[in-house]
Amino acid sequence: MQLSTPTQTDRISVFYNMNCWQKFIAECLKPYILLQRQNQRITAVFVAFNFFQGSNIRIAFEFVDEVGETRTNEIYRLFANYLQQNSPSVNDSDFIGTSLFMDFPNNSCQQNLFHIRFSDPNIRLQLLISEKIIDIFSIDLCNGSSLFTFLLHVIIAFCKEWEDMYKIDQRSRTTQILLEKFSAESENHLDAIFQPYHELFLNNRKMILGIYEDVVLNTSDSNFWCEIRSEYRQYLERSLTSRRGMPSVLLPLDLITADQLGLNDQSLYSVYYLINLIFSTL
């Protein structure tokens, strides 16, 4: 997809019970996107999950023409009306906010709380992930487990492309140095930190190896993982050019991806640990 010259759009944060995100995406967001694409009005959609000042979905559009007050009001009213008509009676319990600031009201829409640049050369990966977020979480419930599983898929693709590009043997376990650094900083042994994930791997070995095969061999019906790896390769090539040397394993895009899913650094390191276990069995 060729991105046009960016036009500024109001960025909307939908503060809504996480247990209801799947319904909102399926019944409100996805139909709106499909309609706008049929009318050839939008060129890009960005979606991210966030838990700062309350559980919310961050949404931004790049429109073909200039964004005006009428369109801004149209989007805002669409989302706000849906929330009003589908208000859950309880708040989230999966994620507990740690912000010093007061949360925004649940079942509300807020504007311009985050920044996104559609002109950023690395935005393509975030847009691909946004498309997958819409596809997956319009069907599956969104919770900590499903977000972690999705992050595992994406980081497997990143690590495998990193290894293939730089001709590094899988057995070298490219993330090991980062895990050892994390262990040293926390003053705990890796096995102690990630014991639950070691048990998770042992108890779900076949399923987790199936995730690896799905990503690396692209066994699903979609070409999504091929696209992800291709875009990630281009990102690595740009990083190599700008840094004049092989980039570190932990690239900013790993953290950006975790953040797009509303997950923290600990989740990313846990994914690295699982990937090491996967690679060690191949």
C-alpha atoms as a PDB file:
ATOM      1  CA  MET A   1       0.000   0.000   0.000  1.00  0.00           C
ATOM      2  CA  GLN A   2       1.468   3.334  -1.053  1.00  0.00           C
ATOM      3  CA  LEU A   3       1.024   5.991   1.598  1.00  0.00           C
ATOM      4  CA  SER A   4       0.026   9.431   0.430  1.00  0.00           C
ATOM      5  CA  THR A   5       1.272  12.720   1.758  1.00  0.00           C
ATOM      6  CA  PRO A   6      -0.044  12.670   5.323  1.00  0.00           C
ATOM      7  CA  THR A   7      -3.149  14.666   6.185  1.00  0.00           C
ATOM      8  CA  GLN A   8      -3.677  15.521   9.819  1.00  0.00           C
ATOM      9  CA  THR A   9      -6.516  13.667  11.488  1.00  0.00           C
ATOM     10  CA  ASP A  10      -7.810  13.826  15.002  1.00  0.00           C
ATOM     11  CA  ARG A  11      -6.570  10.821  16.897  1.00  0.00           C
ATOM     12  CA  ILE A  12      -9.204   9.154  19.031  1.00  0.00           C
ATOM     13  CA  SER A  13      -8.765   7.112  22.208  1.00  0.00           C
ATOM     14  CA  VAL A  14     -11.759   4.927  23.003  1.00  0.00           C
ATOM     15  CA  PHE A  15     -11.896   4.290  26.755  1.00  0.00           C
ATOM     16  CA  TYR A  16     -13.856   1.079  27.094  1.00  0.00           C
ATOM     17  CA  ASN A  17     -13.900  -2.100  29.149  1.00  0.00           C
ATOM     18  CA  MET A  18     -11.238  -4.438  27.754  1.00  0.00           C
ATOM     19  CA  ASN A  19     -13.659  -7.360  27.886  1.00  0.00           C
ATOM     20  CA  CYS A  20     -15.774  -5.492  25.315  1.00  0.00           C
ATOM     21  CA  TRP A  21     -12.989  -4.545  22.872  1.00  0.00           C
ATOM     22  CA  GLN A  22     -13.765  -7.503  20.606  1.00  0.00           C
ATOM     23  CA  LYS A  23     -17.392  -6.397  20.209  1.00  0.00           C
ATOM     24  CA  PHE A  24     -16.401  -2.773  19.572  1.00  0.00           C
ATOM     25  CA  ILE A  25     -13.880  -3.762  16.895  1.00  0.00           C
ATOM     26  CA  ALA A  26     -16.285  -6.212  15.232  1.00  0.00           C
ATOM     27  CA  GLU A  27     -19.459  -4.139  15.402  1.00  0.00           C
ATOM     28  CA  CYS A  28     -18.208  -0.567  15.112  1.00  0.00           C
ATOM     29  CA  LEU A  29     -14.578  -0.041  14.087  1.00  0.00           C
ATOM     30  CA  LYS A  30     -14.183  -2.720  11.420  1.00  0.00           C
ATOM     31  CA  PRO A  31     -17.450  -1.905   9.565  1.00  0.00           C
ATOM     32  CA  TYR A  32     -16.492   1.792   9.531  1.00  0.00           C
ATOM     33  CA  ILE A  33     -13.061   0.984   8.066  1.00  0.00           C
ATOM     34  CA  LEU A  34     -14.571  -1.295   5.407  1.00  0.00           C
ATOM     35  CA  LEU A  35     -17.050   1.420   4.400  1.00  0.00           C
ATOM     36  CA  GLN A  36     -14.348   4.081   4.132  1.00  0.00           C
ATOM     37  CA  ARG A  37     -12.191   1.761   2.033  1.00  0.00           C
ATOM     38  CA  GLN A  38     -15.083   0.967  -0.273  1.00  0.00           C
ATOM     39  CA  ASN A  39     -15.495   4.710  -0.777  1.00  0.00           C
ATOM     40  CA  GLN A  40     -11.703   5.066  -1.194  1.00  0.00           C
ATOM     41  CA  ARG A  41     -11.553   7.672   1.557  1.00  0.00           C
ATOM     42  CA  ILE A  42      -8.746   6.280   3.735  1.00  0.00           C
ATOM     43  CA  THR A  43      -5.226   5.125   2.923  1.00  0.00           C
ATOM     44  CA  ALA A  44      -4.104   3.921   6.355  1.00  0.00           C
ATOM     45  CA  VAL A  45      -5.415   2.923   9.780  1.00  0.00           C
ATOM     46  CA  PHE A  46      -3.418   2.751  12.997  1.00  0.00           C
ATOM     47  CA  VAL A  47      -4.736   0.801  15.999  1.00  0.00           C
ATOM     48  CA  ALA A  48      -3.060   0.256  19.362  1.00  0.00           C
ATOM     49  CA  PHE A  49      -4.096  -0.997  22.780  1.00  0.00           C
ATOM     50  CA  ASN A  50      -3.222   1.131  25.787  1.00  0.00           C
ATOM     51  CA  PHE A  51      -3.781   1.151  29.552  1.00  0.00           C
ATOM     52  CA  PHE A  52      -2.563   4.613  30.522  1.00  0.00           C
ATOM     53  CA  GLN A  53      -5.275   6.446  32.459  1.00  0.00           C
ATOM     54  CA  GLY A  54      -7.714   3.623  31.753  1.00  0.00           C
ATOM     55  CA  SER A  55      -8.168   0.779  29.268  1.00  0.00           C
ATOM     56  CA  ASN A  56      -8.402   2.280  25.800  1.00  0.00           C
ATOM     57  CA  ILE A  57      -7.996   1.633  22.087  1.00  0.00           C
ATOM     58  CA  ARG A  58      -5.991   4.228  20.177  1.00  0.00           C
ATOM     59  CA  ILE A  59      -7.215   4.798  16.617  1.00  0.00           C
ATOM     60  CA  ALA A  60      -5.921   7.082  13.862  1.00  0.00           C
ATOM     61  CA  PHE A  61      -6.827   7.337  10.191  1.00  0.00           C
ATOM     62  CA  GLU A  62      -5.016   8.759   7.192  1.00  0.00           C
ATOM     63  CA  PHE A  63      -7.624  10.119   4.798  1.00  0.00           C
ATOM     64  CA  VAL A  64      -7.228  10.764   1.093  1.00  0.00           C
ATOM     65  CA  ASP A  65      -8.474  14.329   1.399  1.00  0.00           C
ATOM     66  CA  GLU A  66      -8.089  16.978   4.038  1.00  0.00           C
ATOM     67  CA  VAL A  67      -9.651  16.235   7.412  1.00  0.00           C
ATOM     68  CA  GLY A  68     -12.245  18.750   8.482  1.00  0.00           C
ATOM     69  CA  GLU A  69     -14.441  19.376  11.486  1.00  0.00           C
ATOM     70  CA  THR A  70     -17.378  17.545   9.891  1.00  0.00           C
ATOM     71  CA  ARG A  71     -15.429  14.302   9.522  1.00  0.00           C
ATOM     72  CA  THR A  72     -13.936  14.599  12.981  1.00  0.00           C
ATOM     73  CA  ASN A  73     -17.403  14.972  14.458  1.00  0.00           C
ATOM     74  CA  GLU A  74     -18.659  12.062  12.342  1.00  0.00           C
ATOM     75  CA  ILE A  75     -16.039   9.654  13.724  1.00  0.00           C
ATOM     76  CA  TYR A  76     -16.392  10.930  17.267  1.00  0.00           C
ATOM     77  CA  ARG A  77     -20.202  10.605  17.231  1.00  0.00           C
ATOM     78  CA  LEU A  78     -20.044   7.124  15.719  1.00  0.00           C
ATOM     79  CA  PHE A  79     -17.745   5.806  18.446  1.00  0.00           C
ATOM     80  CA  ALA A  80     -19.413   7.742  21.278  1.00  0.00           C
ATOM     81  CA  ASN A  81     -22.897   6.566  20.276  1.00  0.00           C
ATOM     82  CA  TYR A  82     -21.717   2.961  20.188  1.00  0.00           C
ATOM     83  CA  LEU A  83     -20.264   3.265  23.697  1.00  0.00           C
ATOM     84  CA  GLN A  84     -23.436   4.868  24.996  1.00  0.00           C
ATOM     85  CA  GLN A  85     -25.584   2.074  23.584  1.00  0.00           C
ATOM     86  CA  ASN A  86     -23.223  -0.707  24.718  1.00  0.00           C
ATOM     87  CA  SER A  87     -22.021   0.391  28.149  1.00  0.00           C
ATOM     88  CA  PRO A  88     -20.755  -2.405  30.407  1.00  0.00           C
ATOM     89  CA  SER A  89     -21.679  -2.143  34.060  1.00  0.00           C
ATOM     90  CA  VAL A  90     -18.260  -3.192  35.401  1.00  0.00           C
ATOM     91  CA  ASN A  91     -14.706  -2.000  34.826  1.00  0.00           C
ATOM     92  CA  ASP A  92     -11.646  -4.002  33.852  1.00  0.00           C
ATOM     93  CA  SER A  93      -9.794  -6.296  36.218  1.00  0.00           C
ATOM     94  CA  ASP A  94      -7.116  -7.758  33.917  1.00  0.00           C
ATOM     95  CA  PHE A  95      -4.904  -4.686  33.920  1.00  0.00           C
ATOM     96  CA  ILE A  96      -4.459  -2.318  36.833  1.00  0.00           C
ATOM     97  CA  GLY A  97      -3.332   1.193  35.965  1.00  0.00           C
ATOM     98  CA  THR A  98      -0.233   2.626  37.622  1.00  0.00           C
ATOM     99  CA  SER A  99      -0.641   6.199  36.425  1.00  0.00           C
ATOM    100  CA  LEU A 100      -0.362   9.074  38.895  1.00  0.00           C
ATOM    101  CA  PHE A 101      -3.013  10.844  36.852  1.00  0.00           C
ATOM    102  CA  MET A 102      -6.749  10.314  37.178  1.00  0.00           C
ATOM    103  CA  ASP A 103      -8.228   7.846  34.684  1.00  0.00           C
ATOM    104  CA  PHE A 104     -10.481   9.113  31.932  1.00  0.00           C
ATOM    105  CA  PRO A 105     -14.128   8.079  32.275  1.00  0.00           C
ATOM    106  CA  ASN A 106     -14.926   4.607  31.003  1.00  0.00           C
ATOM    107  CA  ASN A 107     -17.241   4.480  27.956  1.00  0.00           C
ATOM    108  CA  SER A 108     -15.860   7.762  26.621  1.00  0.00           C
ATOM    109  CA  CYS A 109     -13.895   9.046  23.619  1.00  0.00           C
ATOM    110  CA  GLN A 110     -10.955  11.418  24.002  1.00  0.00           C
ATOM    111  CA  GLN A 111      -9.094  13.214  21.238  1.00  0.00           C
ATOM    112  CA  ASN A 112      -5.405  13.851  20.533  1.00  0.00           C
ATOM    113  CA  LEU A 113      -3.924  11.972  23.507  1.00  0.00           C
ATOM    114  CA  PHE A 114      -1.159  10.359  21.418  1.00  0.00           C
ATOM    115  CA  HIS A 115       1.002  11.104  18.393  1.00  0.00           C
ATOM    116  CA  ILE A 116       1.399   9.143  15.177  1.00  0.00           C
ATOM    117  CA  ARG A 117       3.283  10.132  12.013  1.00  0.00           C
ATOM    118  CA  PHE A 118       2.062   8.410   8.877  1.00  0.00           C
ATOM    119  CA  SER A 119       5.152   9.802   7.113  1.00  0.00           C
ATOM    120  CA  ASP A 120       7.509   7.814   9.371  1.00  0.00           C
ATOM    121  CA  PRO A 121       9.414   5.259   7.208  1.00  0.00           C
ATOM    122  CA  ASN A 122       8.914   2.597   9.883  1.00  0.00           C
ATOM    123  CA  ILE A 123       5.150   3.102  10.166  1.00  0.00           C
ATOM    124  CA  ARG A 124       4.396   0.354   7.623  1.00  0.00           C
ATOM    125  CA  LEU A 125       5.075  -2.382  10.166  1.00  0.00           C
ATOM    126  CA  GLN A 126       2.803  -0.744  12.712  1.00  0.00           C
ATOM    127  CA  LEU A 127       0.083  -0.464  10.077  1.00  0.00           C
ATOM    128  CA  LEU A 128       0.434  -4.153   9.157  1.00  0.00           C
ATOM    129  CA  ILE A 129       0.165  -5.062  12.827  1.00  0.00           C
ATOM    130  CA  SER A 130      -2.879  -2.778  13.089  1.00  0.00           C
ATOM    131  CA  GLU A 131      -4.555  -4.716  10.273  1.00  0.00           C
ATOM    132  CA  LYS A 132      -3.870  -8.000  12.069  1.00  0.00           C
ATOM    133  CA  ILE A 133      -5.144  -6.571  15.347  1.00  0.00           C
ATOM    134  CA  ILE A 134      -8.429  -5.693  13.646  1.00  0.00           C
ATOM    135  CA  ASP A 135      -8.713  -9.128  12.008  1.00  0.00           C
ATOM    136  CA  ILE A 136      -7.813 -11.181  15.096  1.00  0.00           C
ATOM    137  CA  PHE A 137      -9.552  -9.183  17.802  1.00  0.00           C
ATOM    138  CA  SER A 138     -12.775  -8.729  15.877  1.00  0.00           C
ATOM    139  CA  ILE A 139     -13.146 -12.491  16.459  1.00  0.00           C
ATOM    140  CA  ASP A 140     -11.106 -13.361  19.555  1.00  0.00           C
ATOM    141  CA  LEU A 141     -11.500 -11.882  23.015  1.00  0.00           C
ATOM    142  CA  CYS A 142      -8.763  -9.483  23.993  1.00  0.00           C
ATOM    143  CA  ASN A 143      -6.986 -10.265  27.259  1.00  0.00           C
ATOM    144  CA  GLY A 144      -3.474 -10.515  28.640  1.00  0.00           C
ATOM    145  CA  SER A 145      -2.987 -14.045  27.308  1.00  0.00           C
ATOM    146  CA  SER A 146      -4.142 -13.302  23.748  1.00  0.00           C
ATOM    147  CA  LEU A 147      -2.029 -10.136  23.571  1.00  0.00           C
ATOM    148  CA  PHE A 148       1.044 -12.035  24.777  1.00  0.00           C
ATOM    149  CA  THR A 149       0.463 -14.792  22.202  1.00  0.00           C
ATOM    150  CA  PHE A 150       0.183 -12.231  19.409  1.00  0.00           C
ATOM    151  CA  LEU A 151       3.421 -10.548  20.551  1.00  0.00           C
ATOM    152  CA  LEU A 152       5.123 -13.978  20.517  1.00  0.00           C
ATOM    153  CA  HIS A 153       4.100 -14.437  16.867  1.00  0.00           C
ATOM    154  CA  VAL A 154       5.452 -11.036  15.839  1.00  0.00           C
ATOM    155  CA  ILE A 155       8.773 -11.264  17.699  1.00  0.00           C
ATOM    156  CA  ILE A 156       9.404 -14.765  16.306  1.00  0.00           C
ATOM    157  CA  ALA A 157       9.075 -13.226  12.836  1.00  0.00           C
ATOM    158  CA  PHE A 158      11.455 -10.406  13.773  1.00  0.00           C
ATOM    159  CA  CYS A 159      14.085 -12.707  15.314  1.00  0.00           C
ATOM    160  CA  LYS A 160      13.981 -15.201  12.435  1.00  0.00           C
ATOM    161  CA  GLU A 161      14.393 -12.451   9.843  1.00  0.00           C
ATOM    162  CA  TRP A 162      17.247 -10.948  11.887  1.00  0.00           C
ATOM    163  CA  GLU A 163      19.025 -14.300  11.943  1.00  0.00           C
ATOM    164  CA  ASP A 164      18.422 -15.025   8.249  1.00  0.00           C
ATOM    165  CA  MET A 165      19.622 -11.605   7.188  1.00  0.00           C
ATOM    166  CA  TYR A 166      22.840 -11.770   9.189  1.00  0.00           C
ATOM    167  CA  LYS A 167      23.389 -15.518   8.618  1.00  0.00           C
ATOM    168  CA  ILE A 168      23.408 -16.329  12.311  1.00  0.00           C
ATOM    169  CA  ASP A 169      22.796 -19.924  13.353  1.00  0.00           C
ATOM    170  CA  GLN A 170      19.575 -20.422  15.279  1.00  0.00           C
ATOM    171  CA  ARG A 171      21.539 -22.223  17.974  1.00  0.00           C
ATOM    172  CA  SER A 172      23.332 -18.963  18.756  1.00  0.00           C
ATOM    173  CA  ARG A 173      20.040 -17.819  20.338  1.00  0.00           C
ATOM    174  CA  THR A 174      20.320 -14.210  19.370  1.00  0.00           C
ATOM    175  CA  THR A 175      18.360 -12.915  22.338  1.00  0.00           C
ATOM    176  CA  GLN A 176      20.493 -14.582  25.002  1.00  0.00           C
ATOM    177  CA  ILE A 177      22.754 -11.595  25.652  1.00  0.00           C
ATOM    178  CA  LEU A 178      19.744  -9.411  26.361  1.00  0.00           C
ATOM    179  CA  LEU A 179      18.251 -11.917  28.757  1.00  0.00           C
ATOM    180  CA  GLU A 180      21.548 -12.207  30.615  1.00  0.00           C
ATOM    181  CA  LYS A 181      21.709  -8.418  30.900  1.00  0.00           C
ATOM    182  CA  PHE A 182      18.142  -8.355  32.193  1.00  0.00           C
ATOM    183  CA  SER A 183      19.042 -11.067  34.713  1.00  0.00           C
ATOM    184  CA  ALA A 184      22.088  -9.125  35.929  1.00  0.00           C
ATOM    185  CA  GLU A 185      20.095  -5.924  36.339  1.00  0.00           C
ATOM    186  CA  SER A 186      17.379  -7.677  38.324  1.00  0.00           C
ATOM    187  CA  GLU A 187      19.962  -9.695  40.315  1.00  0.00           C
ATOM    188  CA  ASN A 188      18.042 -12.908  39.722  1.00  0.00           C
ATOM    189  CA  HIS A 189      18.836 -15.996  37.678  1.00  0.00           C
ATOM    190  CA  LEU A 190      16.967 -16.309  34.405  1.00  0.00           C
ATOM    191  CA  ASP A 191      15.402 -19.617  35.362  1.00  0.00           C
ATOM    192  CA  ALA A 192      14.039 -18.068  38.551  1.00  0.00           C
ATOM    193  CA  ILE A 193      12.616 -15.033  36.733  1.00  0.00           C
ATOM    194  CA  PHE A 194      11.015 -16.974  33.925  1.00  0.00           C
ATOM    195  CA  GLN A 195      10.133 -20.253  35.651  1.00  0.00           C
ATOM    196  CA  PRO A 196       6.415 -19.871  34.829  1.00  0.00           C
ATOM    197  CA  TYR A 197       7.272 -19.506  31.133  1.00  0.00           C
ATOM    198  CA  HIS A 198       9.525 -22.561  31.236  1.00  0.00           C
ATOM    199  CA  GLU A 199       6.580 -24.544  32.625  1.00  0.00           C
ATOM    200  CA  LEU A 200       4.327 -22.958  30.007  1.00  0.00           C
ATOM    201  CA  PHE A 201       6.655 -24.179  27.273  1.00  0.00           C
ATOM    202  CA  LEU A 202       6.899 -27.710  28.675  1.00  0.00           C
ATOM    203  CA  ASN A 203       3.125 -27.991  29.081  1.00  0.00           C
ATOM    204  CA  ASN A 204       2.313 -26.480  25.677  1.00  0.00           C
ATOM    205  CA  ARG A 205       5.352 -27.474  23.618  1.00  0.00           C
ATOM    206  CA  LYS A 206       3.424 -28.705  20.580  1.00  0.00           C
ATOM    207  CA  MET A 207       1.222 -25.599  20.412  1.00  0.00           C
ATOM    208  CA  ILE A 208       4.156 -23.175  20.839  1.00  0.00           C
ATOM    209  CA  LEU A 209       6.247 -24.959  18.191  1.00  0.00           C
ATOM    210  CA  GLY A 210       3.150 -24.734  16.000  1.00  0.00           C
ATOM    211  CA  ILE A 211       3.239 -20.944  16.416  1.00  0.00           C
ATOM    212  CA  TYR A 212       6.857 -20.966  15.241  1.00  0.00           C
ATOM    213  CA  GLU A 213       5.973 -23.050  12.178  1.00  0.00           C
ATOM    214  CA  ASP A 214       3.009 -20.822  11.379  1.00  0.00           C
ATOM    215  CA  VAL A 215       5.236 -17.725  11.377  1.00  0.00           C
ATOM    216  CA  VAL A 216       8.413 -19.116   9.800  1.00  0.00           C
ATOM    217  CA  LEU A 217       6.796 -21.466   7.266  1.00  0.00           C
ATOM    218  CA  ASN A 218       3.732 -19.249   6.790  1.00  0.00           C
ATOM    219  CA  THR A 219       1.421 -22.247   7.177  1.00  0.00           C
ATOM    220  CA  SER A 220      -1.706 -20.105   7.534  1.00  0.00           C
ATOM    221  CA  ASP A 221      -3.850 -19.044   4.590  1.00  0.00           C
ATOM    222  CA  SER A 222      -2.651 -15.451   4.782  1.00  0.00           C
ATOM    223  CA  ASN A 223       0.616 -13.917   3.539  1.00  0.00           C
ATOM    224  CA  PHE A 224       0.742 -11.749   6.638  1.00  0.00           C
ATOM    225  CA  TRP A 225       3.927 -13.197   8.126  1.00  0.00           C
ATOM    226  CA  CYS A 226       5.718 -12.948   4.782  1.00  0.00           C
ATOM    227  CA  GLU A 227       4.746  -9.285   4.652  1.00  0.00           C
ATOM    228  CA  ILE A 228       5.865  -8.725   8.241  1.00  0.00           C
ATOM    229  CA  ARG A 229       9.258 -10.325   7.603  1.00  0.00           C
ATOM    230  CA  SER A 230       9.719  -8.395   4.364  1.00  0.00           C
ATOM    231  CA  GLU A 231       8.959  -5.071   6.040  1.00  0.00           C
ATOM    232  CA  TYR A 232      11.168  -5.970   8.994  1.00  0.00           C
ATOM    233  CA  ARG A 233      14.045  -6.741   6.625  1.00  0.00           C
ATOM    234  CA  GLN A 234      13.677  -3.288   5.128  1.00  0.00           C
ATOM    235  CA  TYR A 235      13.711  -1.841   8.631  1.00  0.00           C
ATOM    236  CA  LEU A 236      16.921  -3.728   9.405  1.00  0.00           C
ATOM    237  CA  GLU A 237      18.504  -2.490   6.191  1.00  0.00           C
ATOM    238  CA  ARG A 238      17.678   1.105   7.110  1.00  0.00           C
ATOM    239  CA  SER A 239      19.069   0.520  10.614  1.00  0.00           C
ATOM    240  CA  LEU A 240      22.258  -0.961   9.167  1.00  0.00           C
ATOM    241  CA  THR A 241      22.722   2.024   6.876  1.00  0.00           C
ATOM    242  CA  SER A 242      22.159   4.555   9.618  1.00  0.00           C
ATOM    243  CA  ARG A 243      24.286   2.794  12.255  1.00  0.00           C
ATOM    244  CA  ARG A 244      27.043   1.482   9.958  1.00  0.00           C
ATOM    245  CA  GLY A 245      27.108  -1.905  11.578  1.00  0.00           C
ATOM    246  CA  MET A 246      24.931  -4.820  12.575  1.00  0.00           C
ATOM    247  CA  PRO A 247      22.162  -3.502  14.844  1.00  0.00           C
ATOM    248  CA  SER A 248      21.651  -4.917  18.313  1.00  0.00           C
ATOM    249  CA  VAL A 249      19.137  -7.716  18.766  1.00  0.00           C
ATOM    250  CA  LEU A 250      16.801  -5.549  20.790  1.00  0.00           C
ATOM    251  CA  LEU A 251      15.781  -2.952  18.271  1.00  0.00           C
ATOM    252  CA  PRO A 252      13.441  -0.081  19.070  1.00  0.00           C
ATOM    253  CA  LEU A 253      10.783  -1.712  16.907  1.00  0.00           C
ATOM    254  CA  ASP A 254      10.537  -4.656  19.332  1.00  0.00           C
ATOM    255  CA  LEU A 255       9.616  -2.237  22.106  1.00  0.00           C
ATOM    256  CA  ILE A 256       7.321  -0.245  19.823  1.00  0.00           C
ATOM    257  CA  THR A 257       5.445  -3.439  18.929  1.00  0.00           C
ATOM    258  CA  ALA A 258       5.037  -4.466  22.569  1.00  0.00           C
ATOM    259  CA  ASP A 259       3.825  -0.967  23.359  1.00  0.00           C
ATOM    260  CA  GLN A 260       1.339  -1.089  20.457  1.00  0.00           C
ATOM    261  CA  LEU A 261      -0.204  -4.136  22.130  1.00  0.00           C
ATOM    262  CA  GLY A 262      -0.245  -2.442  25.522  1.00  0.00           C
ATOM    263  CA  LEU A 263       2.458  -4.773  26.901  1.00  0.00           C
ATOM    264  CA  ASN A 264       5.523  -3.807  28.930  1.00  0.00           C
ATOM    265  CA  ASP A 265       9.243  -4.655  28.715  1.00  0.00           C
ATOM    266  CA  GLN A 266       8.799  -7.621  31.059  1.00  0.00           C
ATOM    267  CA  SER A 267       6.410  -9.193  28.556  1.00  0.00           C
ATOM    268  CA  LEU A 268       8.943  -8.665  25.774  1.00  0.00           C
ATOM    269  CA  TYR A 269      11.731 -10.353  27.755  1.00  0.00           C
ATOM    270  CA  SER A 270       9.368 -13.215  28.553  1.00  0.00           C
ATOM    271  CA  VAL A 271       8.779 -13.621  24.822  1.00  0.00           C
ATOM    272  CA  TYR A 272      12.551 -13.662  24.248  1.00  0.00           C
ATOM    273  CA  TYR A 273      12.866 -16.402  26.851  1.00  0.00           C
ATOM    274  CA  LEU A 274      10.226 -18.531  25.124  1.00  0.00           C
ATOM    275  CA  ILE A 275      11.905 -17.959  21.754  1.00  0.00           C
ATOM    276  CA  ASN A 276      15.210 -19.205  23.199  1.00  0.00           C
ATOM    277  CA  LEU A 277      13.472 -22.373  24.343  1.00  0.00           C
ATOM    278  CA  ILE A 278      11.958 -22.802  20.875  1.00  0.00           C
ATOM    279  CA  PHE A 279      15.289 -22.318  19.116  1.00  0.00           C
ATOM    280  CA  SER A 280      17.040 -24.709  21.488  1.00  0.00           C
ATOM    281  CA  THR A 281      14.709 -27.530  20.440  1.00  0.00           C
ATOM    282  CA  LEU A 282      15.050 -27.074  16.670  1.00  0.00           C
END
